[in-house]
PDB file of N, CA and C in Angstrom:
ATOM      1  N   MET A   1       2.432   1.325   1.867  1.00  0.00           N
ATOM      2  CA  MET A   1       1.386   0.391   1.127  1.00  0.00           C
ATOM      3  C   MET A   1       0.794  -0.271   2.279  1.00  0.00           C
ATOM      4  N   ALA A   2       1.042  -0.850   3.395  1.00  0.00           N
ATOM      5  CA  ALA A   2       0.322  -1.607   4.673  1.00  0.00           C
ATOM      6  C   ALA A   2      -0.439  -0.504   5.059  1.00  0.00           C
ATOM      7  N   LYS A   3      -0.232   0.872   5.094  1.00  0.00           N
ATOM      8  CA  LYS A   3      -1.328   1.874   5.640  1.00  0.00           C
ATOM      9  C   LYS A   3      -2.721   1.603   4.755  1.00  0.00           C
ATOM     10  N   LYS A   4      -2.724   1.919   3.523  1.00  0.00           N
ATOM     11  CA  LYS A   4      -3.757   1.774   2.694  1.00  0.00           C
ATOM     12  C   LYS A   4      -4.422   0.551   2.705  1.00  0.00           C
ATOM     13  N   SER A   5      -4.064  -0.729   3.041  1.00  0.00           N
ATOM     14  CA  SER A   5      -4.782  -1.749   3.178  1.00  0.00           C
ATOM     15  C   SER A   5      -5.369  -1.781   4.351  1.00  0.00           C
ATOM     16  N   VAL A   6      -4.769  -0.992   5.460  1.00  0.00           N
ATOM     17  CA  VAL A   6      -5.475  -1.137   6.860  1.00  0.00           C
ATOM     18  C   VAL A   6      -6.432  -0.062   6.792  1.00  0.00           C
ATOM     19  N   ALA A   7      -6.247   0.859   6.142  1.00  0.00           N
ATOM     20  CA  ALA A   7      -7.479   2.069   6.202  1.00  0.00           C
ATOM     21  C   ALA A   7      -8.479   1.513   5.109  1.00  0.00           C
ATOM     22  N   SER A   8      -8.130   0.710   4.450  1.00  0.00           N
ATOM     23  CA  SER A   8      -9.374   0.113   3.194  1.00  0.00           C
ATOM     24  C   SER A   8     -10.234  -0.781   4.578  1.00  0.00           C
ATOM     25  N   LEU A   9      -9.513  -1.337   5.411  1.00  0.00           N
ATOM     26  CA  LEU A   9     -10.225  -2.724   5.994  1.00  0.00           C
ATOM     27  C   LEU A   9     -11.021  -1.886   7.293  1.00  0.00           C
ATOM     28  N   GLN A  10     -10.969  -0.690   7.399  1.00  0.00           N
ATOM     29  CA  GLN A  10     -11.248   0.143   8.780  1.00  0.00           C
ATOM     30  C   GLN A  10     -12.631   1.043   8.132  1.00  0.00           C
ATOM     31  N   LYS A  11     -12.830   1.146   6.669  1.00  0.00           N
ATOM     32  CA  LYS A  11     -14.103   1.856   6.354  1.00  0.00           C
ATOM     33  C   LYS A  11     -14.986   0.413   6.047  1.00  0.00           C
ATOM     34  N   GLY A  12     -16.217   0.822   6.910  1.00  0.00           N
ATOM     35  CA  GLY A  12     -17.402  -0.110   6.512  1.00  0.00           C
ATOM     36  C   GLY A  12     -17.140  -1.306   7.452  1.00  0.00           C
ATOM     37  N   GLY A  13     -16.993  -2.401   6.549  1.00  0.00           N
ATOM     38  CA  GLY A  13     -17.054  -3.769   6.982  1.00  0.00           C
ATOM     39  C   GLY A  13     -15.357  -4.467   7.584  1.00  0.00           C
ATOM     40  N   GLY A  14     -14.679  -3.380   7.784  1.00  0.00           N
ATOM     41  CA  GLY A  14     -13.429  -4.153   8.391  1.00  0.00           C
ATOM     42  C   GLY A  14     -13.346  -5.062   9.431  1.00  0.00           C
ATOM     43  N   LYS A  15     -14.365  -4.837  10.267  1.00  0.00           N
ATOM     44  CA  LYS A  15     -14.440  -5.878  11.518  1.00  0.00           C
ATOM     45  C   LYS A  15     -14.964  -7.252  10.899  1.00  0.00           C
ATOM     46  N   GLN A  16     -15.298  -7.318  10.037  1.00  0.00           N
ATOM     47  CA  GLN A  16     -15.588  -8.494   9.057  1.00  0.00           C
ATOM     48  C   GLN A  16     -14.561  -9.624   8.847  1.00  0.00           C
ATOM     49  N   HIS A  17     -13.334  -8.934   8.924  1.00  0.00           N
ATOM     50  CA  HIS A  17     -12.522  -9.584   8.371  1.00  0.00           C
ATOM     51  C   HIS A  17     -11.406  -9.552   9.248  1.00  0.00           C
ATOM     52  N   THR A  18     -10.532 -11.103   9.116  1.00  0.00           N
ATOM     53  CA  THR A  18      -9.493 -11.113  10.175  1.00  0.00           C
ATOM     54  C   THR A  18      -8.103 -11.703   9.397  1.00  0.00           C
ATOM     55  N   LYS A  19      -6.818 -11.189   9.837  1.00  0.00           N
ATOM     56  CA  LYS A  19      -5.857 -11.603   9.662  1.00  0.00           C
ATOM     57  C   LYS A  19      -5.614 -12.883   9.998  1.00  0.00           C
ATOM     58  N   VAL A  20      -5.104 -14.107   9.052  1.00  0.00           N
ATOM     59  CA  VAL A  20      -5.114 -15.571   9.525  1.00  0.00           C
ATOM     60  C   VAL A  20      -3.699 -16.138   9.280  1.00  0.00           C
ATOM     61  N   ILE A  21      -2.856 -16.650  10.113  1.00  0.00           N
ATOM     62  CA  ILE A  21      -1.529 -17.011   9.683  1.00  0.00           C
ATOM     63  C   ILE A  21      -1.454 -18.321  10.264  1.00  0.00           C
ATOM     64  N   LYS A  22      -1.262 -19.158   8.946  1.00  0.00           N
ATOM     65  CA  LYS A  22      -1.097 -20.963   9.430  1.00  0.00           C
ATOM     66  C   LYS A  22       0.479 -21.292   8.908  1.00  0.00           C
ATOM     67  N   MET A  23       0.862 -22.195   9.404  1.00  0.00           N
ATOM     68  CA  MET A  23       2.454 -22.839   9.563  1.00  0.00           C
ATOM     69  C   MET A  23       2.111 -24.079   8.606  1.00  0.00           C
ATOM     70  N   VAL A  24       2.826 -23.930   7.367  1.00  0.00           N
ATOM     71  CA  VAL A  24       2.844 -25.130   6.577  1.00  0.00           C
ATOM     72  C   VAL A  24       4.199 -25.667   6.321  1.00  0.00           C
ATOM     73  N   LYS A  25       4.302 -27.206   6.662  1.00  0.00           N
ATOM     74  CA  LYS A  25       5.583 -27.682   6.295  1.00  0.00           C
ATOM     75  C   LYS A  25       5.892 -28.468   4.937  1.00  0.00           C
ATOM     76  N   SER A  26       6.652 -27.755   4.776  1.00  0.00           N
ATOM     77  CA  SER A  26       7.128 -28.130   3.289  1.00  0.00           C
ATOM     78  C   SER A  26       7.436 -29.769   2.985  1.00  0.00           C
ATOM     79  N   PRO A  27       7.085 -30.303   1.838  1.00  0.00           N
ATOM     80  CA  PRO A  27       7.392 -31.747   2.132  1.00  0.00           C
ATOM     81  C   PRO A  27       8.800 -32.306   1.424  1.00  0.00           C
ATOM     82  N   LYS A  28       9.432 -31.005   0.961  1.00  0.00           N
ATOM     83  CA  LYS A  28      10.729 -31.341   0.040  1.00  0.00           C
ATOM     84  C   LYS A  28      11.625 -31.304   1.232  1.00  0.00           C
ATOM     85  N   THR A  29      11.643 -29.877   2.020  1.00  0.00           N
ATOM     86  CA  THR A  29      12.769 -30.149   3.037  1.00  0.00           C
ATOM     87  C   THR A  29      12.531 -29.852   4.365  1.00  0.00           C
ATOM     88  N   GLY A  30      11.203 -29.980   4.611  1.00  0.00           N
ATOM     89  CA  GLY A  30      10.721 -30.423   5.820  1.00  0.00           C
ATOM     90  C   GLY A  30      10.904 -29.133   6.943  1.00  0.00           C
ATOM     91  N   SER A  31      11.102 -27.939   6.440  1.00  0.00           N
ATOM     92  CA  SER A  31      11.040 -26.759   6.771  1.00  0.00           C
ATOM     93  C   SER A  31       9.604 -26.317   7.001  1.00  0.00           C
ATOM     94  N   TYR A  32       9.341 -25.096   8.016  1.00  0.00           N
ATOM     95  CA  TYR A  32       7.911 -24.514   7.723  1.00  0.00           C
ATOM     96  C   TYR A  32       8.235 -23.331   7.409  1.00  0.00           C
ATOM     97  N   THR A  33       7.139 -22.543   6.975  1.00  0.00           N
ATOM     98  CA  THR A  33       6.858 -21.601   6.233  1.00  0.00           C
ATOM     99  C   THR A  33       5.671 -20.958   6.880  1.00  0.00           C
ATOM    100  N   PHE A  34       5.188 -19.524   6.803  1.00  0.00           N
ATOM    101  CA  PHE A  34       4.228 -19.082   7.374  1.00  0.00           C
ATOM    102  C   PHE A  34       3.047 -18.458   6.165  1.00  0.00           C
ATOM    103  N   LYS A  35       1.964 -19.067   5.994  1.00  0.00           N
ATOM    104  CA  LYS A  35       0.922 -18.384   5.093  1.00  0.00           C
ATOM    105  C   LYS A  35       0.213 -17.342   5.665  1.00  0.00           C
ATOM    106  N   GLU A  36       0.101 -16.119   5.289  1.00  0.00           N
ATOM    107  CA  GLU A  36      -0.885 -15.500   6.111  1.00  0.00           C
ATOM    108  C   GLU A  36      -1.863 -14.625   4.670  1.00  0.00           C
ATOM    109  N   GLU A  37      -3.257 -14.316   5.312  1.00  0.00           N
ATOM    110  CA  GLU A  37      -4.142 -13.721   4.572  1.00  0.00           C
ATOM    111  C   GLU A  37      -4.998 -12.936   5.292  1.00  0.00           C
ATOM    112  N   VAL A  38      -5.728 -12.180   4.672  1.00  0.00           N
ATOM    113  CA  VAL A  38      -6.767 -11.541   5.388  1.00  0.00           C
ATOM    114  C   VAL A  38      -8.135 -11.981   4.634  1.00  0.00           C
ATOM    115  N   ILE A  39      -8.955 -12.700   5.464  1.00  0.00           N
ATOM    116  CA  ILE A  39     -10.374 -13.168   5.014  1.00  0.00           C
ATOM    117  C   ILE A  39     -11.440 -12.646   5.818  1.00  0.00           C
ATOM    118  N   HIS A  40     -12.620 -13.523   5.244  1.00  0.00           N
ATOM    119  CA  HIS A  40     -13.778 -12.726   5.830  1.00  0.00           C
ATOM    120  C   HIS A  40     -13.844 -13.766   7.065  1.00  0.00           C
ATOM    121  N   ASN A  41     -14.668 -13.408   8.094  1.00  0.00           N
ATOM    122  CA  ASN A  41     -14.776 -14.104   9.184  1.00  0.00           C
ATOM    123  C   ASN A  41     -15.711 -15.361   8.949  1.00  0.00           C
ATOM    124  N   ASP A  42     -16.442 -15.532   8.190  1.00  0.00           N
ATOM    125  CA  ASP A  42     -17.215 -16.705   7.832  1.00  0.00           C
ATOM    126  C   ASP A  42     -16.419 -17.726   7.312  1.00  0.00           C
ATOM    127  N   LYS A  43     -15.348 -17.338   6.787  1.00  0.00           N
ATOM    128  CA  LYS A  43     -14.367 -18.554   6.095  1.00  0.00           C
ATOM    129  C   LYS A  43     -13.366 -18.641   6.959  1.00  0.00           C
ATOM    130  N   ILE A  44     -12.921 -18.423   8.144  1.00  0.00           N
ATOM    131  CA  ILE A  44     -11.977 -18.868   8.888  1.00  0.00           C
ATOM    132  C   ILE A  44     -11.586 -20.340   9.064  1.00  0.00           C
ATOM    133  N   LYS A  45     -12.610 -20.876   9.519  1.00  0.00           N
ATOM    134  CA  LYS A  45     -12.840 -22.554   9.794  1.00  0.00           C
ATOM    135  C   LYS A  45     -12.393 -23.153   8.478  1.00  0.00           C
ATOM    136  N   ASP A  46     -12.989 -22.807   7.261  1.00  0.00           N
ATOM    137  CA  ASP A  46     -12.572 -23.401   5.968  1.00  0.00           C
ATOM    138  C   ASP A  46     -11.107 -23.290   5.521  1.00  0.00           C
ATOM    139  N   TRP A  47     -10.182 -22.141   5.825  1.00  0.00           N
ATOM    140  CA  TRP A  47      -9.136 -21.797   5.634  1.00  0.00           C
ATOM    141  C   TRP A  47      -8.215 -22.911   6.293  1.00  0.00           C
ATOM    142  N   PHE A  48      -8.400 -22.921   7.740  1.00  0.00           N
ATOM    143  CA  PHE A  48      -7.583 -24.019   8.610  1.00  0.00           C
ATOM    144  C   PHE A  48      -7.762 -25.079   8.054  1.00  0.00           C
TER     145      PHE A  48
END
């Protein structure tokens, strides 16, 4: 399944998207988790 998503990003506008990873601290336990998404380059600053 990962190959399909990568292949679909390479068609046409694949260079306009970036995989971003953000570290988020849980208020309950205090542990950190990682949230990752593939988003358009124009919205990177908003995501962080």
